[in-house]
PDB file of N, CA and C in Angstrom:
ATOM      1  N   MET A   1     -18.828 -48.756   2.834  1.00  0.00           N
ATOM      2  CA  MET A   1     -20.150 -48.694   2.227  1.00  0.00           C
ATOM      3  C   MET A   1     -21.158 -48.302   3.290  1.00  0.00           C
ATOM      4  N   ALA A   2     -22.033 -47.373   2.965  1.00  0.00           N
ATOM      5  CA  ALA A   2     -23.048 -46.921   3.919  1.00  0.00           C
ATOM      6  C   ALA A   2     -24.055 -48.034   4.171  1.00  0.00           C
ATOM      7  N   ARG A   3     -24.576 -48.027   5.363  1.00  0.00           N
ATOM      8  CA  ARG A   3     -25.570 -49.036   5.720  1.00  0.00           C
ATOM      9  C   ARG A   3     -26.864 -48.774   4.950  1.00  0.00           C
ATOM     10  N   ALA A   4     -27.401 -49.813   4.339  1.00  0.00           N
ATOM     11  CA  ALA A   4     -28.619 -49.674   3.544  1.00  0.00           C
ATOM     12  C   ALA A   4     -29.819 -49.466   4.457  1.00  0.00           C
ATOM     13  N   LYS A   5     -30.754 -48.648   3.995  1.00  0.00           N
ATOM     14  CA  LYS A   5     -31.994 -48.428   4.738  1.00  0.00           C
ATOM     15  C   LYS A   5     -33.037 -49.397   4.205  1.00  0.00           C
ATOM     16  N   LEU A   6     -33.445 -50.320   5.042  1.00  0.00           N
ATOM     17  CA  LEU A   6     -34.441 -51.306   4.649  1.00  0.00           C
ATOM     18  C   LEU A   6     -35.733 -51.037   5.405  1.00  0.00           C
ATOM     19  N   ASP A   7     -36.829 -50.938   4.669  1.00  0.00           N
ATOM     20  CA  ASP A   7     -38.108 -50.762   5.342  1.00  0.00           C
ATOM     21  C   ASP A   7     -38.714 -52.126   5.671  1.00  0.00           C
ATOM     22  N   ARG A   8     -39.899 -52.099   6.241  1.00  0.00           N
ATOM     23  CA  ARG A   8     -40.568 -53.325   6.673  1.00  0.00           C
ATOM     24  C   ARG A   8     -40.773 -54.288   5.505  1.00  0.00           C
ATOM     25  N   ILE A   9     -41.137 -53.765   4.351  1.00  0.00           N
ATOM     26  CA  ILE A   9     -41.394 -54.624   3.191  1.00  0.00           C
ATOM     27  C   ILE A   9     -40.099 -55.261   2.697  1.00  0.00           C
ATOM     28  N   ASP A  10     -39.020 -54.485   2.619  1.00  0.00           N
ATOM     29  CA  ASP A  10     -37.725 -55.051   2.208  1.00  0.00           C
ATOM     30  C   ASP A  10     -37.294 -56.157   3.164  1.00  0.00           C
ATOM     31  N   ARG A  11     -37.456 -55.922   4.451  1.00  0.00           N
ATOM     32  CA  ARG A  11     -37.076 -56.949   5.435  1.00  0.00           C
ATOM     33  C   ARG A  11     -37.940 -58.197   5.284  1.00  0.00           C
ATOM     34  N   ARG A  12     -39.215 -58.026   4.968  1.00  0.00           N
ATOM     35  CA  ARG A  12     -40.105 -59.172   4.767  1.00  0.00           C
ATOM     36  C   ARG A  12     -39.679 -59.952   3.522  1.00  0.00           C
ATOM     37  N   ILE A  13     -39.359 -59.244   2.460  1.00  0.00           N
ATOM     38  CA  ILE A  13     -38.899 -59.896   1.231  1.00  0.00           C
ATOM     39  C   ILE A  13     -37.637 -60.705   1.510  1.00  0.00           C
ATOM     40  N   LEU A  14     -36.684 -60.115   2.203  1.00  0.00           N
ATOM     41  CA  LEU A  14     -35.438 -60.823   2.521  1.00  0.00           C
ATOM     42  C   LEU A  14     -35.701 -62.047   3.386  1.00  0.00           C
ATOM     43  N   SER A  15     -36.557 -61.904   4.367  1.00  0.00           N
ATOM     44  CA  SER A  15     -36.876 -63.021   5.255  1.00  0.00           C
ATOM     45  C   SER A  15     -37.517 -64.168   4.478  1.00  0.00           C
ATOM     46  N   ASP A  16     -38.473 -63.833   3.616  1.00  0.00           N
ATOM     47  CA  ASP A  16     -39.154 -64.867   2.837  1.00  0.00           C
ATOM     48  C   ASP A  16     -38.202 -65.539   1.853  1.00  0.00           C
ATOM     49  N   LEU A  17     -37.315 -64.768   1.239  1.00  0.00           N
ATOM     50  CA  LEU A  17     -36.352 -65.365   0.312  1.00  0.00           C
ATOM     51  C   LEU A  17     -35.340 -66.239   1.041  1.00  0.00           C
ATOM     52  N   GLN A  18     -34.999 -65.883   2.277  1.00  0.00           N
ATOM     53  CA  GLN A  18     -34.097 -66.733   3.055  1.00  0.00           C
ATOM     54  C   GLN A  18     -34.764 -68.068   3.360  1.00  0.00           C
ATOM     55  N   SER A  19     -36.067 -68.037   3.587  1.00  0.00           N
ATOM     56  CA  SER A  19     -36.805 -69.270   3.871  1.00  0.00           C
ATOM     57  C   SER A  19     -36.963 -70.121   2.621  1.00  0.00           C
ATOM     58  N   ASN A  20     -37.188 -69.452   1.475  1.00  0.00           N
ATOM     59  CA  ASN A  20     -37.412 -70.178   0.231  1.00  0.00           C
ATOM     60  C   ASN A  20     -36.965 -69.303  -0.937  1.00  0.00           C
ATOM     61  N   GLY A  21     -35.737 -69.471  -1.367  1.00  0.00           N
ATOM     62  CA  GLY A  21     -35.182 -68.674  -2.451  1.00  0.00           C
ATOM     63  C   GLY A  21     -35.780 -68.966  -3.810  1.00  0.00           C
ATOM     64  N   ARG A  22     -36.576 -70.029  -3.906  1.00  0.00           N
ATOM     65  CA  ARG A  22     -37.187 -70.393  -5.179  1.00  0.00           C
ATOM     66  C   ARG A  22     -38.638 -69.919  -5.274  1.00  0.00           C
ATOM     67  N   MET A  23     -39.071 -69.113  -4.318  1.00  0.00           N
ATOM     68  CA  MET A  23     -40.430 -68.586  -4.311  1.00  0.00           C
ATOM     69  C   MET A  23     -40.636 -67.697  -5.540  1.00  0.00           C
ATOM     70  N   THR A  24     -41.811 -67.784  -6.161  1.00  0.00           N
ATOM     71  CA  THR A  24     -42.087 -66.931  -7.318  1.00  0.00           C
ATOM     72  C   THR A  24     -42.277 -65.487  -6.864  1.00  0.00           C
ATOM     73  N   ASN A  25     -42.125 -64.569  -7.805  1.00  0.00           N
ATOM     74  CA  ASN A  25     -42.319 -63.157  -7.491  1.00  0.00           C
ATOM     75  C   ASN A  25     -43.752 -62.890  -7.035  1.00  0.00           C
ATOM     76  N   VAL A  26     -44.721 -63.550  -7.660  1.00  0.00           N
ATOM     77  CA  VAL A  26     -46.127 -63.353  -7.289  1.00  0.00           C
ATOM     78  C   VAL A  26     -46.358 -63.818  -5.855  1.00  0.00           C
ATOM     79  N   GLU A  27     -45.829 -64.980  -5.516  1.00  0.00           N
ATOM     80  CA  GLU A  27     -45.963 -65.509  -4.159  1.00  0.00           C
ATOM     81  C   GLU A  27     -45.260 -64.587  -3.153  1.00  0.00           C
ATOM     82  N   LEU A  28     -44.084 -64.129  -3.499  1.00  0.00           N
ATOM     83  CA  LEU A  28     -43.326 -63.229  -2.632  1.00  0.00           C
ATOM     84  C   LEU A  28     -44.092 -61.922  -2.417  1.00  0.00           C
ATOM     85  N   ALA A  29     -44.665 -61.391  -3.486  1.00  0.00           N
ATOM     86  CA  ALA A  29     -45.436 -60.148  -3.395  1.00  0.00           C
ATOM     87  C   ALA A  29     -46.647 -60.317  -2.486  1.00  0.00           C
ATOM     88  N   GLU A  30     -47.360 -61.429  -2.638  1.00  0.00           N
ATOM     89  CA  GLU A  30     -48.527 -61.682  -1.787  1.00  0.00           C
ATOM     90  C   GLU A  30     -48.127 -61.723  -0.325  1.00  0.00           C
ATOM     91  N   ARG A  31     -47.031 -62.398  -0.033  1.00  0.00           N
ATOM     92  CA  ARG A  31     -46.577 -62.513   1.357  1.00  0.00           C
ATOM     93  C   ARG A  31     -46.124 -61.166   1.919  1.00  0.00           C
ATOM     94  N   ALA A  32     -45.565 -60.310   1.049  1.00  0.00           N
ATOM     95  CA  ALA A  32     -45.089 -58.997   1.496  1.00  0.00           C
ATOM     96  C   ALA A  32     -46.215 -57.966   1.542  1.00  0.00           C
ATOM     97  N   GLY A  33     -47.363 -58.299   0.939  1.00  0.00           N
ATOM     98  CA  GLY A  33     -48.499 -57.390   0.961  1.00  0.00           C
ATOM     99  C   GLY A  33     -48.443 -56.290  -0.084  1.00  0.00           C
ATOM    100  N   ILE A  34     -47.738 -56.564  -1.190  1.00  0.00           N
ATOM    101  CA  ILE A  34     -47.667 -55.599  -2.289  1.00  0.00           C
ATOM    102  C   ILE A  34     -47.936 -56.336  -3.593  1.00  0.00           C
ATOM    103  N   SER A  35     -48.103 -55.592  -4.688  1.00  0.00           N
ATOM    104  CA  SER A  35     -48.327 -56.241  -5.978  1.00  0.00           C
ATOM    105  C   SER A  35     -46.995 -56.706  -6.574  1.00  0.00           C
ATOM    106  N   ALA A  36     -47.088 -57.527  -7.604  1.00  0.00           N
ATOM    107  CA  ALA A  36     -45.894 -58.156  -8.172  1.00  0.00           C
ATOM    108  C   ALA A  36     -44.885 -57.179  -8.793  1.00  0.00           C
ATOM    109  N   PRO A  37     -45.310 -56.177  -9.597  1.00  0.00           N
ATOM    110  CA  PRO A  37     -44.297 -55.297 -10.209  1.00  0.00           C
ATOM    111  C   PRO A  37     -43.418 -54.549  -9.201  1.00  0.00           C
ATOM    112  N   PRO A  38     -43.993 -53.918  -8.158  1.00  0.00           N
ATOM    113  CA  PRO A  38     -43.099 -53.257  -7.200  1.00  0.00           C
ATOM    114  C   PRO A  38     -42.250 -54.244  -6.406  1.00  0.00           C
ATOM    115  N   CYS A  39     -42.759 -55.441  -6.212  1.00  0.00           N
ATOM    116  CA  CYS A  39     -41.970 -56.455  -5.508  1.00  0.00           C
ATOM    117  C   CYS A  39     -40.727 -56.798  -6.325  1.00  0.00           C
ATOM    118  N   LEU A  40     -40.899 -56.989  -7.613  1.00  0.00           N
ATOM    119  CA  LEU A  40     -39.764 -57.308  -8.480  1.00  0.00           C
ATOM    120  C   LEU A  40     -38.763 -56.153  -8.507  1.00  0.00           C
ATOM    121  N   ARG A  41     -39.266 -54.915  -8.553  1.00  0.00           N
ATOM    122  CA  ARG A  41     -38.364 -53.755  -8.519  1.00  0.00           C
ATOM    123  C   ARG A  41     -37.558 -53.732  -7.228  1.00  0.00           C
ATOM    124  N   ARG A  42     -38.196 -54.052  -6.118  1.00  0.00           N
ATOM    125  CA  ARG A  42     -37.500 -54.067  -4.825  1.00  0.00           C
ATOM    126  C   ARG A  42     -36.440 -55.166  -4.797  1.00  0.00           C
ATOM    127  N   VAL A  43     -36.773 -56.348  -5.299  1.00  0.00           N
ATOM    128  CA  VAL A  43     -35.804 -57.453  -5.319  1.00  0.00           C
ATOM    129  C   VAL A  43     -34.604 -57.062  -6.177  1.00  0.00           C
ATOM    130  N   ARG A  44     -34.854 -56.484  -7.330  1.00  0.00           N
ATOM    131  CA  ARG A  44     -33.746 -56.068  -8.213  1.00  0.00           C
ATOM    132  C   ARG A  44     -32.896 -54.984  -7.565  1.00  0.00           C
ATOM    133  N   ALA A  45     -33.536 -54.055  -6.855  1.00  0.00           N
ATOM    134  CA  ALA A  45     -32.785 -53.004  -6.153  1.00  0.00           C
ATOM    135  C   ALA A  45     -31.928 -53.612  -5.042  1.00  0.00           C
ATOM    136  N   LEU A  46     -32.455 -54.606  -4.341  1.00  0.00           N
ATOM    137  CA  LEU A  46     -31.689 -55.290  -3.291  1.00  0.00           C
ATOM    138  C   LEU A  46     -30.505 -56.040  -3.901  1.00  0.00           C
ATOM    139  N   GLU A  47     -30.702 -56.607  -5.096  1.00  0.00           N
ATOM    140  CA  GLU A  47     -29.596 -57.280  -5.790  1.00  0.00           C
ATOM    141  C   GLU A  47     -28.528 -56.262  -6.204  1.00  0.00           C
ATOM    142  N   ARG A  48     -28.942 -55.141  -6.789  1.00  0.00           N
ATOM    143  CA  ARG A  48     -27.983 -54.108  -7.220  1.00  0.00           C
ATOM    144  C   ARG A  48     -27.202 -53.543  -6.043  1.00  0.00           C
ATOM    145  N   ALA A  49     -27.855 -53.430  -4.894  1.00  0.00           N
ATOM    146  CA  ALA A  49     -27.200 -52.887  -3.700  1.00  0.00           C
ATOM    147  C   ALA A  49     -26.269 -53.909  -3.052  1.00  0.00           C
ATOM    148  N   GLY A  50     -26.288 -55.148  -3.557  1.00  0.00           N
ATOM    149  CA  GLY A  50     -25.428 -56.182  -2.990  1.00  0.00           C
ATOM    150  C   GLY A  50     -25.986 -56.815  -1.732  1.00  0.00           C
ATOM    151  N   ILE A  51     -27.228 -56.513  -1.402  1.00  0.00           N
ATOM    152  CA  ILE A  51     -27.853 -57.103  -0.219  1.00  0.00           C
ATOM    153  C   ILE A  51     -28.253 -58.538  -0.528  1.00  0.00           C
ATOM    154  N   ILE A  52     -28.786 -58.758  -1.732  1.00  0.00           N
ATOM    155  CA  ILE A  52     -29.022 -60.119  -2.221  1.00  0.00           C
ATOM    156  C   ILE A  52     -27.855 -60.425  -3.141  1.00  0.00           C
ATOM    157  N   LYS A  53     -27.061 -61.420  -2.773  1.00  0.00           N
ATOM    158  CA  LYS A  53     -25.856 -61.751  -3.549  1.00  0.00           C
ATOM    159  C   LYS A  53     -26.043 -62.962  -4.443  1.00  0.00           C
ATOM    160  N   GLY A  54     -27.080 -63.745  -4.194  1.00  0.00           N
ATOM    161  CA  GLY A  54     -27.320 -64.921  -5.006  1.00  0.00           C
ATOM    162  C   GLY A  54     -28.433 -65.751  -4.411  1.00  0.00           C
ATOM    163  N   TYR A  55     -28.763 -66.806  -5.118  1.00  0.00           N
ATOM    164  CA  TYR A  55     -29.828 -67.710  -4.702  1.00  0.00           C
ATOM    165  C   TYR A  55     -29.257 -69.119  -4.688  1.00  0.00           C
ATOM    166  N   HIS A  56     -29.448 -69.812  -3.584  1.00  0.00           N
ATOM    167  CA  HIS A  56     -28.901 -71.162  -3.443  1.00  0.00           C
ATOM    168  C   HIS A  56     -29.975 -72.104  -2.945  1.00  0.00           C
ATOM    169  N   ALA A  57     -29.869 -73.352  -3.348  1.00  0.00           N
ATOM    170  CA  ALA A  57     -30.827 -74.372  -2.911  1.00  0.00           C
ATOM    171  C   ALA A  57     -30.445 -74.880  -1.538  1.00  0.00           C
TER     172      ALA A  57
END
């Protein structure tokens, strides 16, 4: 599998989700510096790419 290209925002989203996987999309978007709809699209794309494999407490 080719290595995924992650930009600064994707890396921020991943970092924030690693810290708190139960963070809301709105909160995650604010922390990443983008609005909620593109944040959700990015999270879903990361899930489809297998970069986000699940959420655990």
